[in-house]
Protein backbone atom coordinates (compact mmCIF):
# COMPACT_ATOMS: atom_id res chain seq x y z
CA UNK A 1 0.00 0.00 0.00
CA UNK A 2 1.41 3.39 -0.95
CA UNK A 3 2.03 6.16 1.53
CA UNK A 4 -0.58 8.41 -0.11
CA UNK A 5 -3.23 5.68 -0.02
CA UNK A 6 -2.54 5.08 3.67
CA UNK A 7 -2.84 8.83 4.36
CA UNK A 8 -6.14 8.95 2.46
CA UNK A 9 -7.61 5.97 4.32
CA UNK A 10 -6.62 7.46 7.68
CA UNK A 11 -8.04 10.89 6.77
CA UNK A 12 -11.22 9.27 5.42
CA UNK A 13 -11.76 7.37 8.67
CA UNK A 14 -11.22 10.53 10.73
CA UNK A 15 -13.48 12.76 8.66
CA UNK A 16 -16.35 10.26 8.46
CA UNK A 17 -16.23 10.06 12.26
CA UNK A 18 -17.59 13.62 12.35
CA UNK A 19 -21.36 13.65 12.73
CA UNK A 20 -22.99 14.85 9.53
CA UNK A 21 -20.19 13.86 7.16
CA UNK A 22 -20.97 10.72 5.18
CA UNK A 23 -18.90 8.98 2.52
CA UNK A 24 -19.82 11.26 -0.41
CA UNK A 25 -19.10 14.45 1.55
CA UNK A 26 -15.86 12.99 2.88
CA UNK A 27 -14.60 12.11 -0.60
CA UNK A 28 -15.51 15.57 -1.90
CA UNK A 29 -13.77 17.29 1.01
CA UNK A 30 -10.68 15.11 0.89
CA UNK A 31 -10.33 15.68 -2.85
CA UNK A 32 -9.99 19.39 -2.14
CA UNK A 33 -8.00 19.17 1.10
CA UNK A 34 -5.43 16.48 0.27
CA UNK A 35 -3.75 18.71 -2.33
CA UNK A 36 -3.02 21.49 0.16
CA UNK A 37 0.51 21.98 1.48
CA UNK A 38 1.26 20.20 4.77
CA UNK A 39 2.73 23.32 6.37
CA UNK A 40 -0.47 25.36 5.92
CA UNK A 41 -1.74 26.80 9.21
CA UNK A 42 -5.36 26.55 10.35
CA UNK A 43 -5.84 30.27 9.70
CA UNK A 44 -4.56 29.87 6.14
CA UNK A 45 -6.81 26.85 5.60
CA UNK A 46 -9.88 28.77 6.75
CA UNK A 47 -8.99 31.65 4.43
CA UNK A 48 -8.37 29.21 1.55
CA UNK A 49 -11.87 27.81 2.01
CA UNK A 50 -13.36 31.31 2.22
CA UNK A 51 -14.77 30.67 5.69
CA UNK A 52 -13.03 33.58 7.40
CA UNK A 53 -15.21 36.49 8.57
CA UNK A 54 -15.26 39.67 6.51
CA UNK A 55 -15.79 42.87 8.43
CA UNK A 56 -17.71 45.69 6.78
CA UNK A 57 -17.02 49.14 8.13
CA UNK A 58 -17.81 52.52 6.73
CA UNK A 59 -17.09 55.96 8.10
CA UNK A 60 -20.65 57.14 7.57
CA UNK A 61 -22.69 54.05 8.48
CA UNK A 62 -23.05 51.62 11.31
CA UNK A 63 -20.81 48.55 11.15
CA UNK A 64 -22.63 45.55 9.68
CA UNK A 65 -22.66 42.02 11.03
CA UNK A 66 -19.57 40.02 9.91
CA UNK A 67 -20.19 37.59 7.05
CA UNK A 68 -18.18 34.86 5.34
CA UNK A 69 -15.67 36.29 2.91
CA UNK A 70 -16.39 33.63 0.23
CA UNK A 71 -13.10 34.60 -1.39
CA UNK A 72 -11.70 31.07 -1.34
CA UNK A 73 -12.46 27.63 -2.73
CA UNK A 74 -16.20 27.32 -3.41
CA UNK A 75 -16.02 23.53 -3.69
CA UNK A 76 -14.99 23.18 -0.04
CA UNK A 77 -17.88 25.41 1.03
CA UNK A 78 -20.29 23.36 -1.11
CA UNK A 79 -19.02 20.12 0.39
CA UNK A 80 -19.50 21.47 3.93
CA UNK A 81 -23.00 22.92 3.40
CA UNK A 82 -25.15 19.79 3.83
CA UNK A 83 -23.04 18.31 6.66
CA UNK A 84 -23.36 21.65 8.46
CA UNK A 85 -27.15 21.52 8.18
CA UNK A 86 -27.22 17.94 9.43
CA UNK A 87 -24.97 18.86 12.36
CA UNK A 88 -27.11 21.85 13.33
CA UNK A 89 -30.17 19.67 13.33
CA UNK A 90 -28.90 16.55 15.10
CA UNK A 91 -25.71 17.38 17.01
CA UNK A 92 -26.74 18.34 20.55
CA UNK A 93 -23.78 20.66 21.21
CA UNK A 94 -24.44 22.71 18.08
CA UNK A 95 -28.21 22.54 18.46
CA UNK A 96 -27.99 24.02 21.96
CA UNK A 97 -25.66 26.82 20.85
CA UNK A 98 -27.20 30.29 21.22
CA UNK A 99 -25.13 31.46 18.23
CA UNK A 100 -27.26 29.48 15.78
CA UNK A 101 -30.97 28.79 16.04
CA UNK A 102 -31.91 26.13 13.45
CA UNK A 103 -35.66 26.73 13.69
CA UNK A 104 -35.25 30.46 13.19
CA UNK A 105 -32.97 29.85 10.20
CA UNK A 106 -35.43 27.33 8.76
CA UNK A 107 -38.34 29.75 9.05
CA UNK A 108 -36.35 32.50 7.39
CA UNK A 109 -34.93 30.40 4.53
CA UNK A 110 -37.59 27.82 3.73
CA UNK A 111 -40.24 28.42 1.16
CA UNK A 112 -43.81 28.65 2.38
CA UNK A 113 -44.69 25.40 0.64
CA UNK A 114 -41.99 23.48 2.52
CA UNK A 115 -43.18 24.82 5.90
CA UNK A 116 -46.81 23.90 5.23
CA UNK A 117 -45.99 20.31 4.34
């Protein structure tokens, strides 16, 4: 077994151990992450994925709420979207977090037809 294959199998086992990440999401994520340099810091990785907060400030207006910069790799963000929704719905630590209210988000972002079903 090659060194790269062993690294992939180990990474695959670790990433599928995270609640919300199934095989398809893990393969998609690993395809994007395995090509990154090994000496990349966590801060650089977050920026590469475009998940770092972007501050908006203006001299004449009130500062807006920070948002994702989305300046990085869109494929990583796409691969994390569904697992993030699953985690917010079923993971008790995230579900109990006051920073994110799943029901409030669902009401705001679901179509009326989906809510009535």
